[in-house]
Amino acid sequence: MEGILPLFKPAGMTSHDCVFKLRKILRTKKVGHTGTLDPDVTGVLPICVGKATKIAEYITDAGKAYEGEVTLGFTTTTEDSSGEKVEEKAVDRAITRTEVEEVLQSLTGEIAQTPPMYSAVKVNGKKLYEYARQGIEVERPTRKVTIYKIELLDDRDSFEGDQISFKFRVSCSKGTYIRTLAVTIGEKLGYPAHMSSLVRIQSADFTIEDCYTFEQLEELAEEGNLAASLHPLEAGISYLPKYRINDKVAEKVKNGALLPIPEEYAGNSGPIIVETEDGKALAIYRAHPTKIGMMKPDKVLRNDQ
């Protein structure tokens, strides 16, 4: 069994829980997820099966899209609704739609984020949430992420009440914390805030419409038709540039040979998919670190054909 299974992750399960359950349903150990989704978050979680586990990191590196809700009025220890209240301040004025949209637009592009203490980012070999559970505050690394697009999903012209909630849709780079983005939106509007709900609607080229629930997969397993849930390995890396080669060169690629960087990708450090004439991905290449004009395999995907 080989391919990518777009799973609709339910609330209450970690990404690892999903992998554990899928190993039983699929009856194979070679199963891996493509990036952690918090237990409370639902939505698209591409799962790699068999040889497709080789490309998990490239799916993780691809862009993501989410629909979330920010609530103004209080912050929490986890920056989402599962944490304990930290700071509370009633919203004492009406907030206009224009204000909200201006704040969202100000967060478009490259921004700096400091990951929350309750996150899987490692500091000195230990995950931040492990420090947080012990009540230890450590210095967290600030990093750059990219917000490609963010839009308000609410048709109100004015927002009023002690606590205000509104939904938004965001497309972003890997490593973006939507919880932290929700807190930042609140700060820019002048109030403590947290992320009150979140659904991942896209990961790489996979959307919610592509996804299977555990219930659907169990039905397919009973019918002996689990293969219907799998997309080919190539679907997970379709966003990468492609270089098509003939059969003679393909044999060299399978053995890890260096290749000249194609003219159309000059200046591209990679990754680049090297594929056969019939569109099968053989390997993923990157520019060679020392040999100018050459590229080397980052990962050979198929060498047994």
Protein backbone atom coordinates (compact mmCIF):
# COMPACT_ATOMS: atom_id res chain seq x y z
CA MET A 1 0.00 0.00 0.00
CA GLU A 2 1.45 3.34 -1.08
CA GLY A 3 0.16 6.88 -1.41
CA ILE A 4 -1.22 9.88 0.43
CA LEU A 5 -4.40 9.67 2.45
CA PRO A 6 -6.02 13.06 3.14
CA LEU A 7 -7.54 12.57 6.59
CA PHE A 8 -10.13 14.84 8.20
CA LYS A 9 -8.64 15.02 11.68
CA PRO A 10 -11.31 15.07 14.38
CA ALA A 11 -11.12 17.16 17.54
CA GLY A 12 -9.63 15.51 20.61
CA MET A 13 -6.90 13.55 18.82
CA THR A 14 -3.24 14.39 18.33
CA SER A 15 -1.61 13.84 14.95
CA HIS A 16 0.24 10.88 16.48
CA ASP A 17 -3.07 9.41 17.73
CA CYS A 18 -4.32 9.55 14.14
CA VAL A 19 -1.25 7.72 12.83
CA PHE A 20 -1.62 5.04 15.53
CA LYS A 21 -5.28 4.46 14.61
CA LEU A 22 -4.56 4.43 10.87
CA ARG A 23 -1.85 1.80 11.25
CA LYS A 24 -4.54 -0.52 12.56
CA ILE A 25 -7.07 0.34 9.86
CA LEU A 26 -4.53 0.15 7.02
CA ARG A 27 -2.70 -2.83 8.57
CA THR A 28 0.71 -1.35 7.90
CA LYS A 29 3.34 0.27 10.12
CA LYS A 30 4.72 2.55 7.43
CA VAL A 31 2.42 5.49 8.12
CA GLY A 32 3.43 9.08 8.93
CA HIS A 33 1.72 12.44 9.35
CA THR A 34 2.77 15.69 7.70
CA GLY A 35 2.89 18.15 10.58
CA THR A 36 1.35 18.47 13.99
CA LEU A 37 -2.21 19.70 14.38
CA ASP A 38 -3.25 20.60 17.93
CA PRO A 39 -5.80 18.21 19.50
CA ASP A 40 -8.58 20.84 19.44
CA VAL A 41 -8.00 21.65 15.77
CA THR A 42 -9.90 19.77 13.07
CA GLY A 43 -9.37 19.54 9.33
CA VAL A 44 -6.93 18.47 6.64
CA LEU A 45 -4.10 16.21 7.75
CA PRO A 46 -2.36 14.47 4.82
CA ILE A 47 -1.09 11.04 5.89
CA CYS A 48 1.77 9.36 4.02
CA VAL A 49 1.64 5.60 3.53
CA GLY A 50 4.43 3.29 2.32
CA LYS A 51 7.01 4.94 0.05
CA ALA A 52 5.06 8.20 0.28
CA THR A 53 6.52 8.66 3.80
CA LYS A 54 9.67 9.82 1.97
CA ILE A 55 7.90 13.03 0.93
CA ALA A 56 6.24 13.88 4.26
CA GLU A 57 8.64 16.77 4.90
CA TYR A 58 7.81 18.37 1.53
CA ILE A 59 4.09 18.32 2.27
CA THR A 60 4.88 19.83 5.68
CA ASP A 61 6.88 22.58 3.94
CA ALA A 62 3.98 23.48 1.63
CA GLY A 63 1.53 26.28 2.38
CA LYS A 64 -1.52 25.84 4.59
CA ALA A 65 -4.93 27.49 4.83
CA TYR A 66 -7.20 27.79 7.87
CA GLU A 67 -10.53 29.17 8.94
CA GLY A 68 -10.32 30.43 12.50
CA GLU A 69 -12.19 32.50 15.02
CA VAL A 70 -10.68 35.17 17.25
CA THR A 71 -12.42 36.20 20.47
CA LEU A 72 -11.60 39.57 22.05
CA GLY A 73 -12.00 40.01 25.80
CA PHE A 74 -9.45 37.65 27.37
CA THR A 75 -6.22 35.78 26.71
CA THR A 76 -5.36 32.25 27.83
CA THR A 77 -2.23 30.34 28.78
CA THR A 78 -2.40 28.35 25.54
CA GLU A 79 -3.65 31.20 23.33
CA ASP A 80 -6.71 29.09 22.47
CA SER A 81 -9.95 28.16 24.25
CA SER A 82 -8.42 25.15 26.04
CA GLY A 83 -6.21 27.26 28.34
CA GLU A 84 -6.82 29.13 31.57
CA LYS A 85 -7.65 32.82 31.49
CA VAL A 86 -4.62 35.06 31.92
CA GLU A 87 -5.76 38.60 31.22
CA GLU A 88 -9.32 39.86 30.91
CA LYS A 89 -10.61 43.19 29.65
CA ALA A 90 -14.17 43.84 28.53
CA VAL A 91 -14.56 45.32 25.08
CA ASP A 92 -15.82 48.78 26.00
CA ARG A 93 -16.44 50.25 22.57
CA ALA A 94 -17.80 49.34 19.17
CA ILE A 95 -15.17 48.09 16.76
CA THR A 96 -15.79 48.87 13.12
CA ARG A 97 -15.41 46.50 10.21
CA THR A 98 -12.87 48.90 8.69
CA GLU A 99 -10.69 48.65 11.83
CA VAL A 100 -10.70 44.87 11.72
CA GLU A 101 -9.93 44.73 8.00
CA GLU A 102 -7.08 47.23 8.38
CA VAL A 103 -5.56 45.10 11.15
CA LEU A 104 -5.83 41.95 9.03
CA GLN A 105 -4.20 43.67 6.07
CA SER A 106 -1.37 44.94 8.29
CA LEU A 107 -0.53 41.30 9.05
CA THR A 108 -0.22 40.29 5.39
CA GLY A 109 3.29 39.47 4.16
CA GLU A 110 6.30 38.45 6.23
CA ILE A 111 5.77 38.85 9.96
CA ALA A 112 7.70 37.86 13.10
CA GLN A 113 6.09 35.40 15.51
CA THR A 114 7.13 34.11 18.91
CA PRO A 115 5.68 30.61 19.36
CA PRO A 116 3.41 30.07 22.39
CA MET A 117 4.78 28.27 25.46
CA TYR A 118 2.25 25.50 24.81
CA SER A 119 3.75 24.41 21.48
CA ALA A 120 6.00 21.66 20.11
CA VAL A 121 8.89 24.00 19.26
CA LYS A 122 12.09 22.73 20.86
CA VAL A 123 14.42 24.82 23.01
CA ASN A 124 17.59 23.09 24.23
CA GLY A 125 16.26 19.74 23.04
CA LYS A 126 13.01 20.01 25.00
CA LYS A 127 9.55 20.92 23.71
CA LEU A 128 8.13 24.21 24.95
CA TYR A 129 4.95 22.58 26.24
CA GLU A 130 7.09 20.36 28.50
CA TYR A 131 8.58 23.48 30.11
CA ALA A 132 5.09 25.03 30.31
CA ARG A 133 3.65 22.02 32.15
CA GLN A 134 6.42 22.34 34.71
CA GLY A 135 5.69 26.05 35.11
CA ILE A 136 9.06 27.01 33.63
CA GLU A 137 9.21 30.07 31.36
CA VAL A 138 12.05 29.97 28.81
CA GLU A 139 13.19 32.38 26.13
CA ARG A 140 11.44 31.49 22.90
CA PRO A 141 12.92 31.96 19.43
CA THR A 142 11.20 34.57 17.28
CA ARG A 143 10.92 33.49 13.66
CA LYS A 144 9.70 34.86 10.35
CA VAL A 145 6.56 33.43 8.76
CA THR A 146 4.56 34.57 5.75
CA ILE A 147 0.86 35.40 5.64
CA TYR A 148 -0.08 35.15 1.97
CA LYS A 149 -3.69 36.23 2.39
CA ILE A 150 -6.06 36.94 5.28
CA GLU A 151 -9.71 37.91 5.03
CA LEU A 152 -12.63 38.58 7.36
CA LEU A 153 -15.46 36.02 7.20
CA ASP A 154 -18.14 38.16 8.80
CA ASP A 155 -20.58 40.56 7.16
CA ARG A 156 -21.17 42.82 10.16
CA ASP A 157 -20.27 46.51 9.86
CA SER A 158 -19.79 46.93 13.61
CA PHE A 159 -18.80 44.59 16.45
CA GLU A 160 -20.14 45.24 19.96
CA GLY A 161 -20.32 43.46 23.35
CA ASP A 162 -18.10 42.63 26.35
CA GLN A 163 -16.60 39.84 24.27
CA ILE A 164 -16.46 39.96 20.49
CA SER A 165 -15.84 37.04 18.14
CA PHE A 166 -15.31 37.02 14.39
CA LYS A 167 -14.06 34.46 11.88
CA PHE A 168 -11.27 34.83 9.35
CA ARG A 169 -9.60 32.79 6.62
CA VAL A 170 -5.82 32.75 6.28
CA SER A 171 -3.33 31.25 3.83
CA CYS A 172 0.16 31.03 5.28
CA SER A 173 3.59 29.43 5.24
CA LYS A 174 4.62 26.47 7.36
CA GLY A 175 5.41 27.27 10.99
CA THR A 176 2.67 29.90 11.35
CA TYR A 177 0.84 29.76 14.68
CA ILE A 178 -2.76 30.82 14.09
CA ARG A 179 -3.25 31.00 17.87
CA THR A 180 -0.52 33.62 18.04
CA LEU A 181 -1.99 35.41 15.03
CA ALA A 182 -5.35 35.66 16.87
CA VAL A 183 -3.60 37.17 19.91
CA THR A 184 -1.81 39.68 17.67
CA ILE A 185 -5.09 40.69 16.02
CA GLY A 186 -6.48 41.41 19.48
CA GLU A 187 -3.41 43.40 20.53
CA LYS A 188 -3.66 45.57 17.42
CA LEU A 189 -7.34 46.24 18.22
CA GLY A 190 -6.40 47.11 21.81
CA TYR A 191 -7.77 44.05 23.65
CA PRO A 192 -6.60 40.70 25.01
CA ALA A 193 -7.67 37.90 22.67
CA HIS A 194 -7.41 34.19 21.94
CA MET A 195 -8.23 31.77 19.14
CA SER A 196 -11.64 30.29 19.93
CA SER A 197 -11.85 27.77 17.06
CA LEU A 198 -9.76 26.56 14.13
CA VAL A 199 -10.15 24.30 11.10
CA ARG A 200 -7.37 23.58 8.63
CA ILE A 201 -9.02 23.75 5.21
CA GLN A 202 -5.98 23.05 3.04
CA SER A 203 -2.49 21.52 3.25
CA ALA A 204 -0.36 21.53 0.10
CA ASP A 205 -2.93 20.78 -2.64
CA PHE A 206 -5.27 18.77 -0.39
CA THR A 207 -8.55 20.36 0.73
CA ILE A 208 -11.37 19.33 3.04
CA GLU A 209 -13.29 18.05 0.00
CA ASP A 210 -10.51 15.48 -0.56
CA CYS A 211 -10.58 14.19 3.02
CA TYR A 212 -11.85 10.95 4.53
CA THR A 213 -13.11 10.55 8.09
CA PHE A 214 -12.16 7.58 10.24
CA GLU A 215 -15.72 6.27 9.84
CA GLN A 216 -15.44 6.37 6.05
CA LEU A 217 -12.08 4.63 6.15
CA GLU A 218 -13.41 1.88 8.39
CA GLU A 219 -16.24 1.33 5.87
CA LEU A 220 -13.74 1.14 3.00
CA ALA A 221 -11.68 -1.35 5.01
CA GLU A 222 -14.74 -3.57 5.46
CA GLU A 223 -15.37 -3.39 1.71
CA GLY A 224 -11.72 -4.17 0.98
CA ASN A 225 -11.40 -0.90 -0.94
CA LEU A 226 -8.95 1.20 1.12
CA ALA A 227 -6.89 1.90 -2.00
CA ALA A 228 -9.69 4.26 -3.09
CA SER A 229 -8.67 6.68 -0.31
CA LEU A 230 -5.07 6.98 -1.50
CA HIS A 231 -3.70 9.64 -3.83
CA PRO A 232 -0.46 8.92 -5.72
CA LEU A 233 2.80 10.05 -4.14
CA GLU A 234 3.09 12.74 -6.86
CA ALA A 235 -0.04 14.52 -5.55
CA GLY A 236 1.78 15.57 -2.40
CA ILE A 237 4.57 17.35 -4.25
CA SER A 238 2.66 18.68 -7.25
CA TYR A 239 3.43 22.26 -6.18
CA LEU A 240 7.17 21.76 -6.77
CA PRO A 241 8.89 22.50 -10.12
CA LYS A 242 9.33 19.44 -12.35
CA TYR A 243 12.11 18.25 -14.67
CA ARG A 244 11.24 15.43 -17.05
CA ILE A 245 13.98 13.00 -18.13
CA ASN A 246 14.32 10.04 -20.49
CA ASP A 247 14.76 6.39 -19.47
CA LYS A 248 18.55 6.46 -19.90
CA VAL A 249 18.97 9.32 -17.45
CA ALA A 250 16.35 7.73 -15.16
CA GLU A 251 18.67 4.79 -14.50
CA LYS A 252 21.39 7.21 -13.35
CA VAL A 253 18.92 9.09 -11.14
CA LYS A 254 17.90 5.88 -9.39
CA ASN A 255 21.56 5.42 -8.46
CA GLY A 256 21.89 8.97 -7.08
CA ALA A 257 23.79 10.57 -9.97
CA LEU A 258 24.44 14.32 -10.13
CA LEU A 259 22.61 16.20 -12.88
CA PRO A 260 23.11 19.59 -14.54
CA ILE A 261 20.57 22.14 -13.30
CA PRO A 262 18.02 22.58 -16.13
CA GLU A 263 18.28 25.94 -17.87
CA GLU A 264 14.72 26.88 -16.94
CA TYR A 265 15.57 26.46 -13.24
CA ALA A 266 18.90 28.26 -13.23
CA GLY A 267 19.22 30.05 -9.90
CA ASN A 268 16.67 27.73 -8.26
CA SER A 269 18.32 26.02 -5.29
CA GLY A 270 15.52 23.46 -5.15
CA PRO A 271 13.75 21.30 -4.42
CA ILE A 272 13.02 20.12 -7.98
CA ILE A 273 11.16 16.92 -8.87
CA VAL A 274 12.93 14.73 -11.40
CA GLU A 275 10.29 12.64 -13.14
CA THR A 276 9.98 10.02 -15.86
CA GLU A 277 8.42 10.63 -19.26
CA ASP A 278 5.13 9.22 -17.97
CA GLY A 279 5.08 11.62 -15.00
CA LYS A 280 6.33 9.38 -12.18
CA ALA A 281 8.48 11.16 -9.60
CA LEU A 282 11.86 9.43 -9.29
CA ALA A 283 13.72 11.80 -6.99
CA ILE A 284 13.85 15.26 -5.49
CA TYR A 285 16.98 17.26 -6.30
CA ARG A 286 18.61 20.42 -4.94
CA ALA A 287 21.46 22.59 -6.16
CA HIS A 288 24.83 21.07 -5.25
CA PRO A 289 26.43 23.07 -2.41
CA THR A 290 29.89 23.22 -4.05
CA LYS A 291 29.57 22.15 -7.70
CA ILE A 292 28.21 25.17 -9.56
CA GLY A 293 25.57 24.37 -12.17
CA MET A 294 24.96 20.88 -10.81
CA MET A 295 22.26 19.44 -8.59
CA LYS A 296 22.28 16.40 -6.34
CA PRO A 297 19.51 14.13 -5.08
CA ASP A 298 17.90 15.31 -1.87
CA LYS A 299 15.86 12.11 -1.81
CA VAL A 300 15.50 9.19 -4.23
CA LEU A 301 11.85 8.20 -4.20
CA ARG A 302 11.84 5.20 -6.53
CA ASN A 303 14.86 3.06 -7.32
CA ASP A 304 13.27 -0.32 -7.87
CA GLN A 305 11.51 0.18 -11.19
